[in-house]
Each structure stands twice: as C-alpha cells, then as structure tokens.
Protein backbone atom coordinates (compact mmCIF):
# COMPACT_ATOMS: atom_id res chain seq x y z
CA MET A 1 -114.83 175.27 -145.55
CA THR A 2 -116.04 171.91 -146.33
CA ASN A 3 -118.78 170.38 -143.78
CA ILE A 4 -115.82 167.74 -143.04
CA GLN A 5 -113.78 170.89 -141.99
CA THR A 6 -116.48 172.78 -140.05
CA LYS A 7 -117.13 169.39 -138.03
CA MET A 8 -113.61 169.01 -136.92
CA LYS A 9 -112.69 173.33 -136.26
CA ASN A 10 -115.80 172.98 -134.07
CA VAL A 11 -114.34 169.78 -132.29
CA MET A 12 -110.85 171.16 -131.67
CA ILE A 13 -112.92 174.63 -130.17
CA LEU A 14 -114.60 171.86 -128.35
CA ILE A 15 -111.44 170.74 -127.16
CA ARG A 16 -108.91 173.85 -126.37
CA SER A 17 -112.26 174.91 -124.32
CA PHE A 18 -111.99 171.41 -122.16
CA PHE A 19 -108.25 171.73 -121.80
CA LEU A 20 -108.38 175.68 -120.89
CA LEU A 21 -111.30 174.68 -118.21
CA ARG A 22 -111.61 176.58 -114.53
CA PRO A 23 -110.12 175.62 -112.19
CA ARG A 24 -107.47 173.78 -113.71
CA PHE A 25 -107.46 170.82 -111.96
CA LEU A 26 -111.27 170.23 -113.83
CA SER A 27 -109.92 169.14 -116.98
CA THR A 28 -106.70 166.47 -115.45
CA LEU A 29 -109.52 164.86 -113.29
CA PHE A 30 -112.14 164.59 -116.15
CA PHE A 31 -109.51 163.93 -118.93
CA ILE A 32 -109.09 160.18 -118.73
CA PRO A 33 -112.52 159.47 -117.72
CA ILE A 34 -114.19 160.86 -120.97
CA LEU A 35 -111.85 159.52 -123.01
CA TYR A 36 -112.87 156.00 -121.05
CA GLY A 37 -116.10 157.14 -122.47
CA ILE A 38 -115.31 157.64 -126.02
CA GLY A 39 -113.61 154.59 -126.29
CA TRP A 40 -116.48 152.70 -124.76
CA ALA A 41 -118.93 154.57 -127.13
CA LEU A 42 -116.63 153.64 -130.00
CA SER A 43 -115.96 149.90 -129.15
CA GLN A 44 -120.00 149.12 -129.07
CA PRO A 45 -120.50 148.32 -132.32
CA LEU A 46 -118.57 145.64 -132.49
CA LEU A 47 -120.92 143.87 -130.14
CA LEU A 48 -122.55 143.41 -133.64
CA PHE A 49 -119.95 141.45 -134.36
CA ASN A 50 -120.64 138.97 -131.70
CA PHE A 51 -117.13 140.11 -130.09
CA GLU A 52 -116.85 138.96 -125.96
CA LYS A 53 -117.35 141.90 -123.61
CA ASP A 54 -113.93 140.43 -122.05
CA ASN A 55 -112.26 141.32 -125.71
CA LEU A 56 -114.55 144.15 -126.23
CA SER A 57 -113.39 145.76 -123.03
CA LEU A 58 -109.57 145.57 -123.97
CA ILE A 59 -110.47 146.88 -127.24
CA GLY A 60 -111.92 149.78 -125.72
CA THR A 61 -109.41 150.49 -123.43
CA ILE A 62 -107.07 150.45 -126.45
CA ILE A 63 -109.39 152.93 -128.47
CA THR A 64 -108.74 155.26 -125.17
CA PHE A 65 -105.49 155.20 -124.78
CA LEU A 66 -104.88 155.97 -128.19
CA LEU A 67 -106.72 158.69 -128.32
CA PHE A 68 -104.90 159.82 -125.25
CA ILE A 69 -101.56 159.75 -127.18
CA PHE A 70 -103.09 161.47 -130.10
CA LEU A 71 -104.02 164.57 -127.68
CA LEU A 72 -101.15 165.01 -125.41
CA PRO A 73 -99.05 167.03 -127.61
CA TYR A 74 -102.25 169.15 -127.77
CA TRP A 75 -102.55 169.02 -123.94
CA PHE A 76 -99.05 170.39 -123.05
CA TYR A 77 -99.35 173.03 -126.00
CA ILE A 78 -102.32 174.43 -125.37
CA LYS A 79 -102.84 173.79 -121.70
CA ARG A 80 -99.05 174.61 -121.08
CA ASN A 81 -97.73 176.68 -124.12
CA LYS A 82 -95.50 173.34 -124.56
CA SER A 83 -94.30 171.98 -127.41
CA SER A 84 -92.35 169.21 -126.47
CA ALA A 85 -94.51 166.88 -124.62
CA TRP A 86 -92.92 163.89 -125.42
CA ILE A 87 -89.92 165.39 -123.76
CA ILE A 88 -91.70 166.48 -120.65
CA LEU A 89 -93.46 163.02 -120.31
CA GLY A 90 -89.77 161.45 -120.98
CA ILE A 91 -90.20 159.70 -123.85
CA THR A 92 -87.06 160.77 -125.74
CA LYS A 93 -86.10 159.52 -129.44
CA ASP A 94 -82.33 159.86 -129.45
CA LYS A 95 -79.84 158.04 -127.69
CA PHE A 96 -81.59 155.00 -128.58
CA LEU A 97 -78.66 152.46 -126.89
CA LYS A 98 -78.97 154.80 -123.47
CA ASN A 99 -82.81 154.51 -123.73
CA PHE A 100 -82.53 150.61 -124.53
CA PHE A 101 -79.87 150.33 -121.68
CA ASN A 102 -81.92 151.95 -119.08
CA PHE A 103 -85.30 149.67 -120.00
CA SER A 104 -83.08 146.74 -119.37
CA GLN A 105 -82.13 147.44 -116.36
CA GLY A 106 -85.31 148.27 -115.44
CA ILE A 107 -86.18 144.53 -116.40
CA LEU A 108 -83.15 143.01 -114.74
CA PHE A 109 -84.61 145.23 -111.34
CA ALA A 110 -87.57 143.85 -111.79
CA LEU A 111 -86.43 140.26 -112.00
CA VAL A 112 -84.31 141.03 -108.61
CA LEU A 113 -87.21 142.27 -106.94
CA ILE A 114 -89.40 139.02 -107.87
CA ILE A 115 -86.36 137.04 -106.85
CA LEU A 116 -86.48 138.60 -103.09
CA ILE A 117 -90.44 138.90 -102.73
CA LEU A 118 -89.51 134.75 -103.90
CA VAL A 119 -86.83 133.78 -101.78
CA PRO A 120 -88.76 133.60 -98.16
CA LEU A 121 -91.42 131.91 -100.22
CA LEU A 122 -89.16 128.98 -101.03
CA GLN A 123 -87.64 128.86 -97.60
CA LYS A 124 -91.07 127.92 -95.86
CA ASN A 125 -91.69 125.54 -99.21
CA TYR A 126 -94.62 127.63 -100.06
CA ILE A 127 -94.13 126.76 -104.13
CA SER A 128 -93.83 123.88 -106.21
CA TRP A 129 -91.69 124.19 -109.43
CA ILE A 130 -93.74 123.07 -112.62
CA GLY A 131 -91.42 123.78 -115.76
CA GLU A 132 -93.89 124.19 -118.24
CA PHE A 133 -92.66 126.63 -120.85
CA SER A 134 -94.48 127.73 -123.95
CA PRO A 135 -93.35 130.14 -126.63
CA THR A 136 -97.16 131.47 -126.48
CA ILE A 137 -97.19 132.30 -122.84
CA LEU A 138 -93.79 134.02 -123.40
CA LEU A 139 -94.98 136.06 -126.06
CA ASN A 140 -98.10 137.35 -123.94
CA SER A 141 -95.87 137.89 -121.46
CA ILE A 142 -93.77 140.23 -123.11
CA LEU A 143 -96.90 141.74 -124.74
CA LEU A 144 -98.79 141.80 -121.33
CA GLY A 145 -95.45 143.44 -120.10
CA LEU A 146 -94.67 146.28 -122.86
CA GLY A 147 -98.58 147.07 -122.93
CA VAL A 148 -98.63 147.91 -118.95
CA GLY A 149 -95.87 149.53 -118.34
CA PHE A 150 -95.53 151.64 -121.27
CA ALA A 151 -98.94 152.64 -121.01
CA GLU A 152 -99.65 152.98 -117.30
CA GLU A 153 -96.01 154.51 -116.66
CA ILE A 154 -97.15 157.24 -119.64
CA ILE A 155 -100.59 158.17 -117.76
CA PHE A 156 -98.87 158.02 -114.67
CA ARG A 157 -95.06 158.98 -114.16
CA GLY A 158 -95.60 160.53 -117.31
CA TRP A 159 -98.63 163.16 -117.96
CA LEU A 160 -100.46 162.82 -114.43
CA LEU A 161 -96.96 163.44 -112.39
CA GLU A 162 -96.14 166.44 -114.78
CA GLU A 163 -99.69 167.87 -114.78
CA LEU A 164 -99.54 168.04 -110.95
CA LYS A 165 -95.97 168.87 -110.71
CA PHE A 166 -97.09 172.62 -112.99
CA GLU A 167 -99.69 173.08 -110.21
CA TYR A 168 -98.40 172.04 -107.12
CA GLY A 169 -94.56 171.34 -107.05
CA THR A 170 -92.23 168.21 -106.77
CA LYS A 171 -93.39 165.94 -103.33
CA ILE A 172 -97.24 166.83 -103.26
CA SER A 173 -97.33 165.88 -107.31
CA ILE A 174 -95.35 162.53 -106.38
CA ALA A 175 -97.51 161.58 -103.59
CA LEU A 176 -100.98 162.77 -105.29
CA GLN A 177 -100.31 160.43 -108.81
CA ALA A 178 -99.30 157.60 -106.41
CA ILE A 179 -102.68 157.98 -104.53
CA ILE A 180 -104.17 157.58 -107.64
CA PHE A 181 -102.21 155.22 -109.42
CA SER A 182 -102.85 152.82 -106.40
CA PHE A 183 -106.92 153.40 -106.51
CA VAL A 184 -107.26 153.64 -109.80
CA HIS A 185 -106.51 149.53 -109.63
CA ASN A 186 -109.27 147.34 -109.69
CA LEU A 187 -109.29 144.81 -106.55
CA SER A 188 -111.64 141.61 -106.63
CA ASN A 189 -110.20 140.92 -102.81
CA GLU A 190 -112.53 141.51 -100.15
CA ILE A 191 -110.75 140.62 -96.83
CA PHE A 192 -109.71 144.78 -95.00
CA TRP A 193 -106.15 143.54 -94.20
CA ASN A 194 -105.17 142.22 -98.33
CA ILE A 195 -106.93 145.54 -99.52
CA VAL A 196 -104.69 147.79 -97.13
CA GLY A 197 -101.80 146.21 -98.27
CA LEU A 198 -102.54 145.61 -101.98
CA ARG A 199 -103.42 149.96 -101.78
CA LEU A 200 -100.07 150.83 -100.03
CA GLY A 201 -97.78 148.05 -101.83
CA PHE A 202 -99.42 150.24 -105.47
CA ILE A 203 -98.96 153.51 -103.45
CA LEU A 204 -95.20 152.75 -102.98
CA LEU A 205 -95.00 151.98 -106.21
CA GLY A 206 -96.08 154.61 -107.53
CA ILE A 207 -93.99 156.34 -105.03
CA PHE A 208 -90.29 154.61 -106.40
CA LEU A 209 -91.17 155.07 -109.82
CA SER A 210 -91.53 158.22 -109.62
CA LEU A 211 -88.19 159.24 -107.81
CA VAL A 212 -86.78 156.68 -110.44
CA LYS A 213 -87.89 158.74 -113.30
CA ILE A 214 -86.55 162.05 -111.05
CA ARG A 215 -82.85 159.68 -110.65
CA ASN A 216 -82.50 159.47 -114.47
CA LYS A 217 -83.12 163.12 -115.27
CA GLY A 218 -86.68 162.47 -116.53
CA SER A 219 -86.54 159.38 -119.07
CA LEU A 220 -89.30 157.41 -118.23
CA TRP A 221 -87.51 153.90 -120.22
CA ASN A 222 -85.97 152.64 -116.46
CA CYS A 223 -89.53 152.89 -115.19
CA ILE A 224 -91.34 151.63 -118.36
CA GLY A 225 -88.79 148.34 -117.73
CA ILE A 226 -89.56 147.99 -114.48
CA HIS A 227 -93.06 147.98 -114.49
CA GLY A 228 -93.16 146.21 -117.17
CA GLY A 229 -90.56 143.93 -116.02
CA LEU A 230 -92.98 142.90 -112.98
CA VAL A 231 -95.92 142.33 -114.83
CA GLY A 232 -94.61 140.37 -117.40
CA ILE A 233 -92.17 138.16 -115.42
CA TRP A 234 -95.19 137.44 -112.71
CA PHE A 235 -97.62 136.63 -115.32
CA LEU A 236 -94.61 134.14 -117.31
CA LEU A 237 -93.81 132.49 -113.91
CA ASN A 238 -97.56 131.76 -112.82
CA ASN A 239 -98.74 130.22 -116.04
CA GLY A 240 -96.62 127.00 -116.18
CA LEU A 241 -93.43 127.56 -114.67
CA ILE A 242 -94.39 127.53 -110.94
CA GLU A 243 -97.82 126.72 -108.86
CA PHE A 244 -98.12 127.70 -105.14
CA LYS A 245 -99.68 125.71 -102.58
CA GLU A 246 -102.83 126.05 -100.82
CA ASN A 247 -101.44 126.39 -97.61
CA THR A 248 -99.44 129.38 -98.84
CA ASN A 249 -99.47 132.07 -96.64
CA SER A 250 -101.02 135.71 -98.59
CA PHE A 251 -99.06 137.88 -96.04
CA LEU A 252 -95.60 136.68 -97.69
CA ALA A 253 -97.03 135.71 -101.22
CA GLY A 254 -99.80 138.53 -101.25
CA PRO A 255 -103.62 138.50 -101.39
CA PHE A 256 -105.02 135.10 -103.51
CA THR A 257 -107.03 135.82 -107.00
CA GLN A 258 -108.29 132.66 -108.69
CA ASN A 259 -104.98 130.81 -106.99
CA ILE A 260 -102.47 133.52 -107.92
CA PRO A 261 -101.41 135.85 -105.36
CA ASN A 262 -100.67 139.77 -106.17
CA PRO A 263 -97.01 139.79 -104.76
CA ILE A 264 -97.36 143.63 -104.71
CA GLY A 265 -99.55 143.67 -101.85
CA SER A 266 -97.32 141.14 -99.46
CA PHE A 267 -94.80 142.30 -96.52
CA SER A 268 -91.84 141.74 -98.40
CA ALA A 269 -92.92 143.90 -101.24
CA ILE A 270 -93.80 146.66 -99.07
CA LEU A 271 -90.66 146.60 -96.95
CA ILE A 272 -88.77 146.05 -100.31
CA LEU A 273 -90.51 149.13 -101.96
CA PHE A 274 -90.17 151.17 -98.33
CA LEU A 275 -86.66 150.76 -97.82
CA LEU A 276 -86.50 151.86 -102.08
CA CYS A 277 -88.51 154.84 -101.52
CA ILE A 278 -85.99 155.86 -98.11
CA PHE A 279 -82.87 155.26 -100.50
CA TYR A 280 -83.76 156.94 -103.70
CA THR A 281 -85.40 160.10 -101.51
CA VAL A 282 -81.66 160.32 -99.41
CA LYS A 283 -80.34 160.16 -103.57
CA SER A 284 -82.88 162.77 -104.60
CA LYS A 285 -82.55 165.27 -101.76
CA LYS A 286 -80.51 167.76 -104.31
CA ILE A 287 -83.21 167.76 -106.72
CA PHE A 288 -86.32 167.96 -104.02
CA THR A 289 -84.64 171.23 -103.43
CA ARG A 290 -85.52 173.14 -106.39
CA ARG A 291 -88.64 172.46 -109.09
CA PHE A 292 -87.86 170.01 -111.10
CA ASN A 293 -88.06 170.40 -114.60
C-alpha cells in the first residue's frame, strides 16, 4: 500500500468516526462549521496572488459547498445506511421535463410573491422606475439565483431537514431547520424591530419551503425555483430597473441595507408567508399524520 493510499484510508476512517459520533446530533451540529473551516483554510494560499478578501471569502464558501456535496453520499450511507442520498435530498435526475416544470413553476411563484410585496409600495409611490437594463446584470441575477437557490435548498430543505426527520419526525424538524435557516443569515441591520421582522420572515420562508417540498412528494426542484427566483429577481430589480425613494417605509419594503430593502422582513412578506404556511399545512394534513419518507 502506497503512502497516499494509507493517508486516504486514515482520512476515511476519521470521516467515518466523525459521522458516527454519539450523541448523533453532534456530527450534524459540527458538520458544516468544520467544512467551512476547511474551505477557509484551503482558500488562504490565494492571498499570495493578491486576491481580494471578498473574493477569497466567496472561493472559501464554494470549496465548502463542493466538499459538502462530495461527502453527502457517504454521510447518508455511513450514518443512516442509505445508498440513495440524492433521492432522499429531493434531487432526482429522471423525469427531466417534470423537474424543469416544477423549477419554472417555482420561479413564477417567486415573481408573483415579489409583485404582491411591491403592490402596496407602488400604491404609496415609494418606487421610481429607472429602466436601465444590462445583460451583465441579467446574467449575474441568473447565476446568483441558481447558486443561492440550489446551495441553500440542498443544505436546509435537503440535508438538514431530512437529517432532523430521522431523529425528531416531520413537525419538529420543519420548525428546527427553519429557525436554523433564519439565524445563519447574517444581518447588518441594528434596529431591534427590523431584526425581529427579518428573523421571523426567514423562519416563515423556511417553514413554507419545507411544506412545498413535502407537497411535492420530496422533490426539491420547486423549492429551488422559489428560493432562487426570489433572490435573482430581487437582485435584477434593484440593479437598474427600480429605485426606492428615501422616504420609503421599511415596514412595507423591509429593512434597508445600502439603500436596498430586504423584502423578507416586510409586513407584506410576513403576512403572505404566514398565510401560505397555514394553507400548505392544511393541505398537507394527511402527510403530517405519518412520518414522511
């Protein structure tokens, strides 16, 4: 056995030991932070090539996610004795047209949600139309929406939700992952009620997307479309198409950061998401009576 093979075998033994930690929630709790630390460490040599810190942080995050994707099949196989990791996560390769339809439906759903949030702002004349369109901004919007939508849904509604369901069942796991989803988002706003609104908005979004996944029989494509659509469309609107006036009410638009509001913390978004959660919970009542596989 070569030196490289010996090292790889030792690494796999270490990974297996970590996955099988007791109590079981310890490996779930520290999995992402450890991967993030490894991603950060692997990105540091790029400082020698004068990379900007913001770009370095992005590269570290990308490395973290790639490691996460690589290790997921091993996670479910070693920890849960499940060989169909991607099916468990809701990423199915078959039925391409159906998956594409669910994804597109999610984007359309996101567009409707954003329009509903903007309606009261338009009525109050808080928005100015700029109409500056850039192909570069459009491309960035698509890449941002796809990247954030895919990555965060894989992590939260894919891996974390399913992992928690193994331990705590469907109801508790939905609430737990939504709370975690909310509090991992870094907020730059320091106003108490703005923070409360954003945290509540993210929790409701996390619950809603979990219910969407359950209603779609475990498929994650609709969730990716909704999440990616919200991020990408909002980015596109706020980079040349519209502008919020200085007197815009953050209660209606959401807390502001650098003259751009985060609509997830607006009254409209919280109300809409709350109603959607109630609607989807009622529709999913039969599913909640048994453990979802």
